[in-house]
Amino acid sequence: DPTLVPFLRAEVTGDGSVDISDGIAILNFLFSSDQSVQCLDAADFDDNGRLNIGDPVSLFNYLFASGDRPSPPFPRQGLDPTPDDALGECR
C-alpha cells in the first residue's frame, strides 16, 4: 500500500527520538482528551494491537530500568511487521 509510511515504534511525539515525552504523550492520549498521537501503532510498545497502560509503563521500564526494547520497527523506522485493524496503520 503506497499510503503507508515507515514509523519508529515508541516514538509518538514526532521529534525523532524515543524518550520520556513519548510515554507522557501516550498517557495523555489514554487518560485525557489529548488526541495529538498521530500514529497509534507507534504508541503500541509491545505490538499487541491494543493501546493500554502497559504501553507507557513498558516504555518507561525500557528507558529507565533496562527493560525490554520496543517491538519492531525499532531501533530504525520501518513498516509494521504485524499489521492490525484495531489501531490502523501509520499513514
Protein backbone atom coordinates (compact mmCIF):
# COMPACT_ATOMS: atom_id res chain seq x y z
CA ASP A 1 0.00 0.00 0.00
CA PRO A 2 1.74 3.21 -1.14
CA THR A 3 -0.05 5.29 1.53
CA LEU A 4 1.73 3.51 4.41
CA VAL A 5 4.70 5.29 5.87
CA PRO A 6 7.58 3.97 7.95
CA PHE A 7 7.49 4.75 11.65
CA LEU A 8 9.60 4.13 14.73
CA ARG A 9 7.90 2.13 17.46
CA ALA A 10 7.57 4.13 20.72
CA GLU A 11 8.34 7.48 19.02
CA VAL A 12 4.94 9.16 19.21
CA THR A 13 5.70 12.87 19.62
CA GLY A 14 7.22 13.34 16.18
CA ASP A 15 10.51 14.72 17.47
CA GLY A 16 12.56 11.80 16.10
CA SER A 17 13.71 10.34 19.41
CA VAL A 18 12.31 7.86 21.92
CA ASP A 19 12.27 9.48 25.34
CA ILE A 20 10.11 10.27 28.36
CA SER A 21 7.97 12.70 26.35
CA ASP A 22 6.67 9.78 24.27
CA GLY A 23 5.45 7.92 27.37
CA ILE A 24 3.81 11.09 28.66
CA ALA A 25 2.10 11.60 25.29
CA ILE A 26 0.69 8.06 25.45
CA LEU A 27 -0.60 8.66 28.99
CA ASN A 28 -2.21 11.93 27.87
CA PHE A 29 -3.85 10.12 24.97
CA LEU A 30 -5.17 7.36 27.24
CA PHE A 31 -6.36 9.46 30.18
CA SER A 32 -7.23 12.91 28.86
CA SER A 33 -8.80 14.38 25.78
CA ASP A 34 -5.38 14.84 24.17
CA GLN A 35 -5.59 13.36 20.68
CA SER A 36 -2.17 14.52 19.47
CA VAL A 37 -0.80 11.00 18.94
CA GLN A 38 -0.77 10.75 15.15
CA CYS A 39 0.39 7.15 14.85
CA LEU A 40 -1.33 4.84 17.32
CA ASP A 41 0.73 1.91 16.08
CA ALA A 42 3.89 3.70 17.24
CA ALA A 43 2.34 4.02 20.72
CA ASP A 44 1.67 0.27 20.87
CA PHE A 45 5.01 -0.56 22.53
CA ASP A 46 4.54 -4.35 22.52
CA ASP A 47 2.71 -4.52 19.16
CA ASN A 48 -0.18 -6.50 20.60
CA GLY A 49 -2.77 -4.48 18.70
CA ARG A 50 -4.10 -2.76 21.82
CA LEU A 51 -3.17 0.57 23.34
CA ASN A 52 -3.33 0.47 27.14
CA ILE A 53 -1.46 1.49 30.31
CA GLY A 54 1.06 -1.30 29.73
CA ASP A 55 2.49 0.54 26.73
CA PRO A 56 3.77 3.66 28.50
CA VAL A 57 4.79 1.58 31.55
CA SER A 58 6.86 -0.69 29.29
CA LEU A 59 8.36 2.36 27.60
CA PHE A 60 9.39 3.87 30.94
CA ASN A 61 10.79 0.50 32.00
CA TYR A 62 12.85 0.36 28.80
CA LEU A 63 14.11 3.92 29.24
CA PHE A 64 14.91 3.84 32.94
CA ALA A 65 15.20 0.24 34.14
CA SER A 66 16.86 -1.71 31.30
CA GLY A 67 13.54 -3.26 30.31
CA ASP A 68 12.71 -4.92 27.01
CA ARG A 69 13.07 -2.79 23.92
CA PRO A 70 10.07 -1.85 21.79
CA SER A 71 8.77 -4.28 19.19
CA PRO A 72 9.85 -3.69 15.57
CA PRO A 73 10.13 -1.40 13.80
CA PHE A 74 12.82 -0.38 16.27
CA PRO A 75 15.56 0.93 16.51
CA ARG A 76 15.09 2.12 12.93
CA GLN A 77 11.98 3.26 11.13
CA GLY A 78 10.11 0.69 9.10
CA LEU A 79 6.67 -0.66 8.32
CA ASP A 80 4.72 -2.62 10.90
CA PRO A 81 5.64 -6.31 10.58
CA THR A 82 2.27 -7.26 12.11
CA PRO A 83 -0.49 -5.02 10.71
CA ASP A 84 -3.68 -4.88 12.76
CA ASP A 85 -7.12 -3.42 12.23
CA ALA A 86 -7.68 -2.08 15.75
CA LEU A 87 -5.11 0.71 15.69
CA GLY A 88 -4.83 1.22 11.96
CA GLU A 89 -1.61 1.80 10.13
CA CYS A 90 0.52 4.90 10.18
CA ARG A 91 -0.12 6.99 7.09
